[in-house]
Amino acid sequence: MGNPFPFMKRLKATPDSIKLSYQEADIHEKLALHLSQFYSRLEPEQDLVAVCVGTDRSTGDSLGPFVGTQLNKQSIDGLYVYGTLDEPVHAMNLQDTLDRVSNERTNPFIIAVDACLGQVSSVGCIQIGDGPVKPGAGVNKDLPPVGNVHITGIVNVGGFMEYFVLQNTRLSLVIRMAEIIGHSIVQSLAYLPDQRASI
């Protein structure tokens, strides 16, 4: 299959981390390309899993469930989604969900999606990084790390009254970022290794 986004060859992304504003030009394609670089680690028998962490009870923390719901609606063959608005993956059931993933999927390769807080200048940025995300770190919760690779959206400012800040985050920003992340994950699947192209 040819490259559906030929201009991507000019991007100099490396498989460590990237951070872009949600308003960046061509952000879907740039995130998709960067995420796809991690797929070189996938073995043919590995299941590709998205674990979208968060809760629908907090505007700022609903980023993950919005992404999961978006992915679920598309019913993508070969991509297994955990964490939606109807069935969120949050602090109370995160470990149980990870146990389920381990039991239900073959050697899962997990893309973790979560909201986070950051500096004023970073609000609205989407990050893709190698290794797991640590859910709850911004609100001092000790939760298990999640993911072989992670995608986080900086939804608001951290450092003070984090619970209040998450509750008072603009829903429009969260939904826009969730749409971008979900669309980028779907686009990244076009770059799966040839032996997994049936996904």
N, C-alpha and C. Protein backbone atom coordinates (compact mmCIF):
# COMPACT_ATOMS: atom_id res chain seq x y z
N MET A 1 0.85 -1.19 0.00
CA MET A 1 0.00 0.00 0.00
C MET A 1 0.89 1.24 0.00
N GLY A 2 0.56 2.20 -0.89
CA GLY A 2 1.34 3.42 -0.96
C GLY A 2 1.08 4.33 0.21
N ASN A 3 1.95 5.30 0.37
CA ASN A 3 1.79 6.26 1.46
C ASN A 3 0.63 7.20 1.15
N PRO A 4 -0.47 7.16 1.94
CA PRO A 4 -1.61 8.02 1.66
C PRO A 4 -1.34 9.49 1.99
N PHE A 5 -0.25 9.77 2.67
CA PHE A 5 0.11 11.14 3.03
C PHE A 5 1.57 11.38 2.62
N PRO A 6 1.82 11.56 1.29
CA PRO A 6 3.22 11.61 0.82
C PRO A 6 4.07 12.67 1.49
N PHE A 7 3.47 13.82 1.86
CA PHE A 7 4.28 14.88 2.44
C PHE A 7 4.87 14.49 3.78
N MET A 8 4.34 13.40 4.41
CA MET A 8 4.83 12.99 5.72
C MET A 8 6.30 12.58 5.67
N LYS A 9 6.77 12.17 4.51
CA LYS A 9 8.17 11.75 4.40
C LYS A 9 9.11 12.89 4.81
N ARG A 10 8.63 14.12 4.73
CA ARG A 10 9.47 15.26 5.05
C ARG A 10 9.56 15.52 6.54
N LEU A 11 8.65 14.91 7.33
CA LEU A 11 8.65 15.15 8.76
C LEU A 11 9.81 14.41 9.41
N LYS A 12 10.41 15.04 10.40
CA LYS A 12 11.56 14.44 11.07
C LYS A 12 11.18 14.04 12.49
N ALA A 13 10.11 13.24 12.60
CA ALA A 13 9.70 12.74 13.90
C ALA A 13 10.50 11.49 14.22
N THR A 14 10.86 11.33 15.47
CA THR A 14 11.56 10.13 15.91
C THR A 14 10.70 9.45 16.96
N PRO A 15 10.83 8.12 17.10
CA PRO A 15 9.93 7.40 18.01
C PRO A 15 10.26 7.59 19.48
N ASP A 16 10.27 8.82 19.95
CA ASP A 16 10.38 9.05 21.39
C ASP A 16 9.18 9.87 21.84
N SER A 17 9.18 11.16 21.61
CA SER A 17 8.01 11.93 22.01
C SER A 17 7.79 13.11 21.07
N ILE A 18 6.55 13.55 21.01
CA ILE A 18 6.18 14.70 20.20
C ILE A 18 5.09 15.44 20.96
N LYS A 19 5.06 16.75 20.82
CA LYS A 19 4.07 17.58 21.51
C LYS A 19 3.64 18.68 20.55
N LEU A 20 2.34 18.69 20.23
CA LEU A 20 1.81 19.64 19.25
C LEU A 20 0.53 20.27 19.77
N SER A 21 0.32 21.52 19.41
CA SER A 21 -0.94 22.18 19.72
C SER A 21 -2.05 21.57 18.87
N TYR A 22 -3.24 21.49 19.44
CA TYR A 22 -4.37 20.93 18.69
C TYR A 22 -4.72 21.81 17.48
N GLN A 23 -4.21 23.03 17.45
CA GLN A 23 -4.46 23.94 16.33
C GLN A 23 -3.38 23.87 15.26
N GLU A 24 -2.39 23.02 15.46
CA GLU A 24 -1.29 22.87 14.50
C GLU A 24 -1.84 22.42 13.15
N ALA A 25 -1.28 22.96 12.08
CA ALA A 25 -1.67 22.54 10.73
C ALA A 25 -1.33 21.06 10.53
N ASP A 26 -2.24 20.34 9.88
CA ASP A 26 -2.02 18.92 9.56
C ASP A 26 -1.74 18.07 10.79
N ILE A 27 -2.34 18.43 11.93
CA ILE A 27 -2.01 17.72 13.16
C ILE A 27 -2.40 16.24 13.11
N HIS A 28 -3.52 15.90 12.46
CA HIS A 28 -3.91 14.50 12.38
C HIS A 28 -2.80 13.66 11.75
N GLU A 29 -2.29 14.15 10.63
CA GLU A 29 -1.28 13.41 9.89
C GLU A 29 0.03 13.32 10.67
N LYS A 30 0.40 14.43 11.32
CA LYS A 30 1.66 14.44 12.07
C LYS A 30 1.60 13.48 13.25
N LEU A 31 0.49 13.47 13.97
CA LEU A 31 0.34 12.54 15.10
C LEU A 31 0.27 11.10 14.60
N ALA A 32 -0.45 10.88 13.51
CA ALA A 32 -0.58 9.52 12.97
C ALA A 32 0.78 8.96 12.57
N LEU A 33 1.57 9.77 11.91
CA LEU A 33 2.90 9.32 11.49
C LEU A 33 3.76 8.99 12.70
N HIS A 34 3.73 9.87 13.69
CA HIS A 34 4.57 9.63 14.87
C HIS A 34 4.15 8.36 15.60
N LEU A 35 2.84 8.21 15.80
CA LEU A 35 2.35 7.01 16.48
C LEU A 35 2.72 5.75 15.71
N SER A 36 2.63 5.82 14.40
CA SER A 36 2.89 4.62 13.58
C SER A 36 4.32 4.12 13.71
N GLN A 37 5.24 5.00 14.09
CA GLN A 37 6.63 4.55 14.22
C GLN A 37 6.80 3.52 15.32
N PHE A 38 5.92 3.56 16.31
CA PHE A 38 5.99 2.57 17.38
C PHE A 38 5.49 1.19 16.94
N TYR A 39 4.77 1.14 15.83
CA TYR A 39 4.21 -0.13 15.37
C TYR A 39 5.29 -1.07 14.85
N SER A 40 6.49 -0.56 14.61
CA SER A 40 7.56 -1.44 14.16
C SER A 40 7.89 -2.50 15.22
N ARG A 41 7.49 -2.25 16.47
CA ARG A 41 7.73 -3.21 17.55
C ARG A 41 6.68 -4.32 17.59
N LEU A 42 5.58 -4.11 16.88
CA LEU A 42 4.48 -5.07 16.93
C LEU A 42 4.88 -6.39 16.30
N GLU A 43 4.58 -7.47 16.98
CA GLU A 43 4.75 -8.79 16.41
C GLU A 43 3.43 -9.22 15.79
N PRO A 44 3.46 -10.09 14.77
CA PRO A 44 2.24 -10.44 14.04
C PRO A 44 1.11 -10.94 14.93
N GLU A 45 1.44 -11.62 16.02
CA GLU A 45 0.40 -12.21 16.87
C GLU A 45 -0.08 -11.27 17.97
N GLN A 46 0.53 -10.10 18.09
CA GLN A 46 0.13 -9.19 19.15
C GLN A 46 -1.18 -8.49 18.83
N ASP A 47 -2.03 -8.35 19.85
CA ASP A 47 -3.27 -7.59 19.71
C ASP A 47 -2.98 -6.11 19.99
N LEU A 48 -3.56 -5.24 19.15
CA LEU A 48 -3.43 -3.81 19.33
C LEU A 48 -4.62 -3.31 20.15
N VAL A 49 -4.33 -2.67 21.28
CA VAL A 49 -5.36 -2.29 22.24
C VAL A 49 -5.24 -0.81 22.58
N ALA A 50 -6.39 -0.13 22.62
CA ALA A 50 -6.43 1.25 23.12
C ALA A 50 -7.11 1.24 24.48
N VAL A 51 -6.41 1.70 25.51
CA VAL A 51 -7.00 1.85 26.84
C VAL A 51 -7.15 3.34 27.10
N CYS A 52 -8.40 3.79 27.12
CA CYS A 52 -8.70 5.23 27.21
C CYS A 52 -9.16 5.53 28.63
N VAL A 53 -8.30 6.18 29.38
CA VAL A 53 -8.49 6.35 30.83
C VAL A 53 -9.21 7.67 31.12
N GLY A 54 -10.12 7.65 32.06
CA GLY A 54 -10.80 8.87 32.48
C GLY A 54 -12.21 8.58 32.94
N THR A 55 -12.94 9.63 33.27
CA THR A 55 -14.30 9.47 33.77
C THR A 55 -15.22 10.51 33.14
N ASP A 56 -16.46 10.12 32.94
CA ASP A 56 -17.44 11.05 32.39
C ASP A 56 -18.01 11.97 33.47
N ARG A 57 -17.55 11.82 34.70
CA ARG A 57 -18.03 12.66 35.80
C ARG A 57 -17.21 13.93 35.99
N SER A 58 -16.18 14.10 35.18
CA SER A 58 -15.32 15.28 35.26
C SER A 58 -15.02 15.75 33.84
N THR A 59 -15.34 16.98 33.54
CA THR A 59 -15.17 17.48 32.17
C THR A 59 -13.74 17.28 31.68
N GLY A 60 -12.77 17.73 32.45
CA GLY A 60 -11.38 17.64 32.03
C GLY A 60 -10.89 16.22 31.91
N ASP A 61 -11.42 15.34 32.74
CA ASP A 61 -10.95 13.95 32.75
C ASP A 61 -11.74 13.07 31.79
N SER A 62 -12.61 13.67 30.98
CA SER A 62 -13.42 12.88 30.06
C SER A 62 -12.77 12.71 28.69
N LEU A 63 -11.56 13.23 28.51
CA LEU A 63 -10.88 13.12 27.23
C LEU A 63 -10.75 11.66 26.79
N GLY A 64 -10.23 10.81 27.67
CA GLY A 64 -10.04 9.40 27.32
C GLY A 64 -11.35 8.72 26.92
N PRO A 65 -12.41 8.82 27.73
CA PRO A 65 -13.69 8.20 27.35
C PRO A 65 -14.26 8.73 26.04
N PHE A 66 -14.06 10.01 25.74
CA PHE A 66 -14.53 10.54 24.45
C PHE A 66 -13.77 9.88 23.30
N VAL A 67 -12.45 9.72 23.46
CA VAL A 67 -11.65 9.06 22.42
C VAL A 67 -12.12 7.61 22.25
N GLY A 68 -12.29 6.89 23.37
CA GLY A 68 -12.73 5.51 23.30
C GLY A 68 -14.08 5.35 22.63
N THR A 69 -15.01 6.26 22.94
CA THR A 69 -16.34 6.22 22.32
C THR A 69 -16.24 6.45 20.82
N GLN A 70 -15.40 7.40 20.43
CA GLN A 70 -15.21 7.67 19.01
C GLN A 70 -14.65 6.45 18.28
N LEU A 71 -13.65 5.81 18.87
CA LEU A 71 -13.05 4.62 18.25
C LEU A 71 -14.05 3.47 18.20
N ASN A 72 -14.82 3.31 19.27
CA ASN A 72 -15.79 2.22 19.34
C ASN A 72 -16.85 2.35 18.25
N LYS A 73 -17.28 3.56 17.97
CA LYS A 73 -18.32 3.77 16.96
C LYS A 73 -17.86 3.34 15.58
N GLN A 74 -16.55 3.34 15.36
CA GLN A 74 -16.04 2.99 14.03
C GLN A 74 -15.82 1.49 13.87
N SER A 75 -15.91 0.73 14.96
CA SER A 75 -15.78 -0.73 14.91
C SER A 75 -14.61 -1.17 14.03
N ILE A 76 -13.42 -0.76 14.42
CA ILE A 76 -12.22 -1.04 13.62
C ILE A 76 -11.74 -2.47 13.89
N ASP A 77 -11.70 -3.29 12.85
CA ASP A 77 -11.23 -4.67 13.00
C ASP A 77 -9.79 -4.67 13.49
N GLY A 78 -9.52 -5.44 14.54
CA GLY A 78 -8.15 -5.60 15.02
C GLY A 78 -7.71 -4.56 16.02
N LEU A 79 -8.56 -3.57 16.34
CA LEU A 79 -8.23 -2.61 17.38
C LEU A 79 -9.25 -2.79 18.50
N TYR A 80 -8.77 -3.16 19.67
CA TYR A 80 -9.65 -3.44 20.81
C TYR A 80 -9.63 -2.24 21.75
N VAL A 81 -10.82 -1.73 22.05
CA VAL A 81 -10.95 -0.49 22.80
C VAL A 81 -11.53 -0.75 24.18
N TYR A 82 -10.88 -0.20 25.19
CA TYR A 82 -11.35 -0.25 26.57
C TYR A 82 -11.41 1.19 27.08
N GLY A 83 -12.58 1.58 27.60
CA GLY A 83 -12.75 2.91 28.14
C GLY A 83 -13.58 3.79 27.22
N THR A 84 -14.88 3.91 27.52
CA THR A 84 -15.78 4.76 26.75
C THR A 84 -16.62 5.59 27.73
N LEU A 85 -17.46 6.46 27.20
CA LEU A 85 -18.34 7.23 28.07
C LEU A 85 -19.32 6.32 28.80
N ASP A 86 -19.77 5.25 28.14
CA ASP A 86 -20.71 4.31 28.78
C ASP A 86 -20.00 3.39 29.78
N GLU A 87 -18.77 3.02 29.46
CA GLU A 87 -18.01 2.11 30.32
C GLU A 87 -16.60 2.67 30.52
N PRO A 88 -16.48 3.71 31.34
CA PRO A 88 -15.17 4.35 31.52
C PRO A 88 -14.19 3.50 32.30
N VAL A 89 -12.92 3.73 32.03
CA VAL A 89 -11.83 3.12 32.79
C VAL A 89 -11.25 4.22 33.67
N HIS A 90 -11.42 4.07 34.98
CA HIS A 90 -11.04 5.13 35.92
C HIS A 90 -10.31 4.52 37.11
N ALA A 91 -10.07 5.34 38.13
CA ALA A 91 -9.25 4.92 39.27
C ALA A 91 -9.79 3.67 39.94
N MET A 92 -11.11 3.54 40.01
CA MET A 92 -11.70 2.42 40.76
C MET A 92 -11.62 1.09 40.03
N ASN A 93 -11.50 1.13 38.69
CA ASN A 93 -11.50 -0.14 37.95
C ASN A 93 -10.30 -0.31 37.02
N LEU A 94 -9.31 0.56 37.16
CA LEU A 94 -8.17 0.51 36.25
C LEU A 94 -7.42 -0.81 36.33
N GLN A 95 -7.10 -1.26 37.54
CA GLN A 95 -6.36 -2.51 37.67
C GLN A 95 -7.17 -3.69 37.15
N ASP A 96 -8.47 -3.71 37.44
CA ASP A 96 -9.33 -4.77 36.92
C ASP A 96 -9.36 -4.76 35.39
N THR A 97 -9.38 -3.56 34.82
CA THR A 97 -9.39 -3.46 33.36
C THR A 97 -8.09 -3.97 32.76
N LEU A 98 -6.97 -3.63 33.37
CA LEU A 98 -5.68 -4.12 32.87
C LEU A 98 -5.60 -5.64 32.99
N ASP A 99 -6.18 -6.18 34.05
CA ASP A 99 -6.23 -7.64 34.19
C ASP A 99 -7.08 -8.25 33.08
N ARG A 100 -8.20 -7.60 32.76
CA ARG A 100 -9.07 -8.07 31.67
C ARG A 100 -8.34 -8.06 30.34
N VAL A 101 -7.65 -6.97 30.08
CA VAL A 101 -6.89 -6.86 28.83
C VAL A 101 -5.88 -7.99 28.73
N SER A 102 -5.19 -8.25 29.82
CA SER A 102 -4.18 -9.30 29.85
C SER A 102 -4.79 -10.68 29.58
N ASN A 103 -5.99 -10.89 30.11
CA ASN A 103 -6.66 -12.19 29.97
C ASN A 103 -7.34 -12.35 28.62
N GLU A 104 -7.86 -11.26 28.08
CA GLU A 104 -8.67 -11.35 26.86
C GLU A 104 -7.87 -11.16 25.58
N ARG A 105 -6.71 -10.53 25.65
CA ARG A 105 -5.96 -10.22 24.44
C ARG A 105 -4.59 -10.90 24.45
N THR A 106 -4.10 -11.20 23.25
CA THR A 106 -2.83 -11.90 23.10
C THR A 106 -1.67 -10.93 23.13
N ASN A 107 -0.84 -11.04 24.17
CA ASN A 107 0.36 -10.21 24.29
C ASN A 107 0.06 -8.78 23.87
N PRO A 108 -0.87 -8.09 24.53
CA PRO A 108 -1.37 -6.82 24.03
C PRO A 108 -0.32 -5.73 23.93
N PHE A 109 -0.39 -4.99 22.83
CA PHE A 109 0.38 -3.77 22.66
C PHE A 109 -0.59 -2.63 22.92
N ILE A 110 -0.38 -1.89 24.01
CA ILE A 110 -1.39 -0.95 24.49
C ILE A 110 -1.02 0.50 24.15
N ILE A 111 -1.97 1.17 23.51
CA ILE A 111 -1.92 2.62 23.34
C ILE A 111 -2.76 3.20 24.47
N ALA A 112 -2.15 3.89 25.40
CA ALA A 112 -2.88 4.50 26.51
C ALA A 112 -3.23 5.94 26.15
N VAL A 113 -4.47 6.32 26.45
CA VAL A 113 -4.93 7.69 26.19
C VAL A 113 -5.44 8.26 27.51
N ASP A 114 -5.00 9.47 27.84
CA ASP A 114 -5.41 10.08 29.11
C ASP A 114 -5.30 11.60 29.01
N ALA A 115 -6.06 12.28 29.85
CA ALA A 115 -5.93 13.73 29.99
C ALA A 115 -4.85 14.04 31.03
N CYS A 116 -4.28 15.22 30.94
CA CYS A 116 -3.35 15.65 31.97
C CYS A 116 -3.39 17.17 32.09
N LEU A 117 -2.76 17.66 33.15
CA LEU A 117 -2.66 19.10 33.39
C LEU A 117 -1.23 19.53 33.14
N GLY A 118 -1.05 20.80 32.80
CA GLY A 118 0.30 21.27 32.50
C GLY A 118 0.42 22.77 32.65
N GLN A 119 1.43 23.34 32.05
CA GLN A 119 1.66 24.77 32.10
C GLN A 119 0.65 25.50 31.21
N VAL A 120 0.45 26.76 31.50
CA VAL A 120 -0.51 27.56 30.73
C VAL A 120 -0.20 27.49 29.23
N SER A 121 1.06 27.59 28.90
CA SER A 121 1.47 27.60 27.49
C SER A 121 1.24 26.27 26.79
N SER A 122 1.03 25.20 27.56
CA SER A 122 0.87 23.87 26.98
C SER A 122 -0.58 23.42 26.88
N VAL A 123 -1.50 24.20 27.43
CA VAL A 123 -2.91 23.80 27.38
C VAL A 123 -3.35 23.71 25.92
N GLY A 124 -3.99 22.61 25.58
CA GLY A 124 -4.39 22.37 24.20
C GLY A 124 -3.37 21.57 23.41
N CYS A 125 -2.28 21.18 24.04
CA CYS A 125 -1.27 20.37 23.36
C CYS A 125 -1.56 18.88 23.52
N ILE A 126 -1.23 18.14 22.49
CA ILE A 126 -1.35 16.68 22.50
C ILE A 126 0.05 16.10 22.41
N GLN A 127 0.33 15.13 23.29
CA GLN A 127 1.66 14.52 23.36
C GLN A 127 1.57 13.03 23.05
N ILE A 128 2.54 12.54 22.32
CA ILE A 128 2.71 11.09 22.14
C ILE A 128 4.09 10.74 22.65
N GLY A 129 4.17 9.74 23.51
CA GLY A 129 5.45 9.37 24.08
C GLY A 129 5.62 7.86 24.22
N ASP A 130 6.85 7.46 24.30
CA ASP A 130 7.19 6.05 24.48
C ASP A 130 6.92 5.64 25.92
N GLY A 131 6.48 4.41 26.11
CA GLY A 131 6.27 3.88 27.45
C GLY A 131 4.91 4.26 28.02
N PRO A 132 4.69 3.90 29.28
CA PRO A 132 3.36 4.06 29.88
C PRO A 132 3.07 5.48 30.36
N VAL A 133 1.78 5.76 30.50
CA VAL A 133 1.32 6.95 31.18
C VAL A 133 1.04 6.57 32.63
N LYS A 134 1.11 7.53 33.53
CA LYS A 134 0.84 7.28 34.94
C LYS A 134 -0.45 8.01 35.31
N PRO A 135 -1.59 7.33 35.15
CA PRO A 135 -2.86 8.01 35.43
C PRO A 135 -2.95 8.48 36.88
N GLY A 136 -3.59 9.59 37.08
CA GLY A 136 -3.82 10.09 38.43
C GLY A 136 -2.66 10.83 39.05
N ALA A 137 -1.53 10.91 38.34
CA ALA A 137 -0.35 11.55 38.93
C ALA A 137 -0.63 13.02 39.25
N GLY A 138 -1.41 13.68 38.39
CA GLY A 138 -1.69 15.09 38.58
C GLY A 138 -2.58 15.39 39.78
N VAL A 139 -3.30 14.38 40.25
CA VAL A 139 -4.19 14.58 41.40
C VAL A 139 -3.76 13.67 42.56
N ASN A 140 -2.49 13.30 42.56
CA ASN A 140 -1.87 12.56 43.66
C ASN A 140 -2.53 11.21 43.95
N LYS A 141 -2.92 10.51 42.88
CA LYS A 141 -3.43 9.15 43.03
C LYS A 141 -2.34 8.17 42.60
N ASP A 142 -2.21 7.09 43.34
CA ASP A 142 -1.21 6.07 43.03
C ASP A 142 -1.88 4.95 42.25
N LEU A 143 -1.80 5.03 40.92
CA LEU A 143 -2.45 4.06 40.04
C LEU A 143 -1.40 3.37 39.19
N PRO A 144 -1.71 2.17 38.70
CA PRO A 144 -0.72 1.44 37.89
C PRO A 144 -0.45 2.15 36.56
N PRO A 145 0.78 2.09 36.08
CA PRO A 145 1.10 2.66 34.77
C PRO A 145 0.41 1.88 33.66
N VAL A 146 0.13 2.57 32.55
CA VAL A 146 -0.62 1.96 31.45
C VAL A 146 0.04 2.28 30.12
N GLY A 147 0.26 1.26 29.31
CA GLY A 147 0.61 1.48 27.91
C GLY A 147 2.03 1.14 27.52
N ASN A 148 2.18 0.66 26.29
CA ASN A 148 3.48 0.54 25.64
C ASN A 148 3.89 1.89 25.06
N VAL A 149 2.86 2.66 24.70
CA VAL A 149 3.02 4.02 24.19
C VAL A 149 1.83 4.80 24.73
N HIS A 150 1.97 6.10 24.89
CA HIS A 150 0.87 6.88 25.46
C HIS A 150 0.59 8.14 24.66
N ILE A 151 -0.68 8.53 24.69
CA ILE A 151 -1.12 9.80 24.11
C ILE A 151 -1.82 10.57 25.22
N THR A 152 -1.36 11.77 25.48
CA THR A 152 -1.99 12.59 26.52
C THR A 152 -2.38 13.94 25.93
N GLY A 153 -3.52 14.43 26.42
CA GLY A 153 -3.97 15.76 26.04
C GLY A 153 -3.92 16.67 27.24
N ILE A 154 -3.24 17.80 27.12
CA ILE A 154 -3.14 18.76 28.24
C ILE A 154 -4.38 19.64 28.19
N VAL A 155 -5.31 19.39 29.10
CA VAL A 155 -6.63 20.02 29.03
C VAL A 155 -6.75 21.28 29.86
N ASN A 156 -5.84 21.48 30.82
CA ASN A 156 -5.93 22.66 31.67
C ASN A 156 -4.62 22.85 32.43
N VAL A 157 -4.60 23.84 33.29
CA VAL A 157 -3.39 24.22 34.03
C VAL A 157 -3.28 23.41 35.32
N GLY A 158 -2.10 22.88 35.59
CA GLY A 158 -1.87 22.11 36.81
C GLY A 158 -1.15 22.91 37.86
N GLY A 159 -1.05 22.31 39.05
CA GLY A 159 -0.28 22.91 40.12
C GLY A 159 -1.08 23.43 41.29
N PHE A 160 -2.41 23.56 41.12
CA PHE A 160 -3.22 24.11 42.22
C PHE A 160 -4.67 23.66 42.05
N MET A 161 -5.21 23.06 43.10
CA MET A 161 -6.62 22.65 43.13
C MET A 161 -6.99 21.84 41.88
N GLU A 162 -6.23 20.76 41.66
CA GLU A 162 -6.37 20.00 40.42
C GLU A 162 -7.78 19.46 40.18
N TYR A 163 -8.43 18.94 41.24
CA TYR A 163 -9.79 18.42 41.07
C TYR A 163 -10.73 19.51 40.57
N PHE A 164 -10.63 20.69 41.17
CA PHE A 164 -11.48 21.81 40.78
C PHE A 164 -11.18 22.22 39.33
N VAL A 165 -9.92 22.25 38.98
CA VAL A 165 -9.51 22.63 37.63
C VAL A 165 -10.08 21.65 36.61
N LEU A 166 -9.98 20.35 36.89
CA LEU A 166 -10.52 19.35 35.97
C LEU A 166 -12.03 19.49 35.81
N GLN A 167 -12.71 19.77 36.91
CA GLN A 167 -14.17 19.93 36.86
C GLN A 167 -14.56 21.16 36.04
N ASN A 168 -13.70 22.14 35.95
CA ASN A 168 -14.04 23.40 35.30
C ASN A 168 -13.27 23.61 33.98
N THR A 169 -12.95 22.51 33.34
CA THR A 169 -12.29 22.56 32.03
C THR A 169 -13.34 22.71 30.93
N ARG A 170 -13.02 23.45 29.90
CA ARG A 170 -13.97 23.67 28.80
C ARG A 170 -14.21 22.37 28.03
N LEU A 171 -15.48 22.00 27.94
CA LEU A 171 -15.85 20.77 27.23
C LEU A 171 -15.52 20.87 25.74
N SER A 172 -15.65 22.06 25.18
CA SER A 172 -15.37 22.22 23.75
C SER A 172 -13.92 21.85 23.43
N LEU A 173 -12.99 22.23 24.30
CA LEU A 173 -11.58 21.89 24.09
C LEU A 173 -11.37 20.39 24.20
N VAL A 174 -11.96 19.78 25.20
CA VAL A 174 -11.82 18.34 25.41
C VAL A 174 -12.34 17.57 24.20
N ILE A 175 -13.51 17.93 23.70
CA ILE A 175 -14.10 17.23 22.56
C ILE A 175 -13.25 17.42 21.31
N ARG A 176 -12.78 18.62 21.08
CA ARG A 176 -11.94 18.86 19.89
C ARG A 176 -10.66 18.03 19.95
N MET A 177 -10.02 18.00 21.12
CA MET A 177 -8.79 17.22 21.25
C MET A 177 -9.08 15.73 21.11
N ALA A 178 -10.20 15.28 21.66
CA ALA A 178 -10.57 13.86 21.54
C ALA A 178 -10.79 13.47 20.09
N GLU A 179 -11.44 14.34 19.33
CA GLU A 179 -11.66 14.06 17.91
C GLU A 179 -10.33 13.93 17.17
N ILE A 180 -9.41 14.81 17.48
CA ILE A 180 -8.09 14.77 16.83
C ILE A 180 -7.35 13.49 17.19
N ILE A 181 -7.35 13.13 18.47
CA ILE A 181 -6.64 11.93 18.90
C ILE A 181 -7.26 10.68 18.27
N GLY A 182 -8.58 10.59 18.32
CA GLY A 182 -9.24 9.42 17.74
C GLY A 182 -8.97 9.30 16.25
N HIS A 183 -9.08 10.40 15.54
CA HIS A 183 -8.84 10.40 14.10
C HIS A 183 -7.38 10.04 13.79
N SER A 184 -6.47 10.53 14.61
CA SER A 184 -5.04 10.24 14.40
C SER A 184 -4.73 8.76 14.62
N ILE A 185 -5.35 8.16 15.64
CA ILE A 185 -5.15 6.72 15.87
C ILE A 185 -5.63 5.93 14.66
N VAL A 186 -6.80 6.27 14.15
CA VAL A 186 -7.34 5.56 12.97
C VAL A 186 -6.40 5.74 11.78
N GLN A 187 -5.94 6.96 11.53
CA GLN A 187 -5.03 7.19 10.40
C GLN A 187 -3.73 6.43 10.57
N SER A 188 -3.26 6.30 11.80
CA SER A 188 -1.97 5.63 12.03
C SER A 188 -2.02 4.17 11.60
N LEU A 189 -3.21 3.57 11.58
CA LEU A 189 -3.33 2.16 11.24
C LEU A 189 -2.97 1.90 9.78
N ALA A 190 -3.01 2.94 8.95
CA ALA A 190 -2.59 2.80 7.55
C ALA A 190 -1.11 2.48 7.45
N TYR A 191 -0.37 2.71 8.50
CA TYR A 191 1.08 2.49 8.51
C TYR A 191 1.49 1.23 9.25
N LEU A 192 0.52 0.38 9.58
CA LEU A 192 0.88 -0.88 10.22
C LEU A 192 1.81 -1.68 9.32
N PRO A 193 2.71 -2.47 9.91
CA PRO A 193 3.58 -3.31 9.11
C PRO A 193 2.77 -4.18 8.15
N ASP A 194 3.38 -4.52 7.00
CA ASP A 194 2.66 -5.24 5.95
C ASP A 194 1.97 -6.50 6.42
N GLN A 195 2.61 -7.23 7.35
CA GLN A 195 2.03 -8.50 7.78
C GLN A 195 0.78 -8.30 8.64
N ARG A 196 0.52 -7.03 9.02
CA ARG A 196 -0.67 -6.74 9.83
C ARG A 196 -1.64 -5.84 9.07
N ALA A 197 -1.45 -5.72 7.77
CA ALA A 197 -2.24 -4.77 6.99
C ALA A 197 -3.72 -5.11 6.94
N SER A 198 -4.10 -6.29 7.36
CA SER A 198 -5.51 -6.68 7.32
C SER A 198 -6.32 -5.99 8.41
N ILE A 199 -5.64 -5.37 9.39
CA ILE A 199 -6.37 -4.67 10.47
C ILE A 199 -7.16 -3.52 9.88
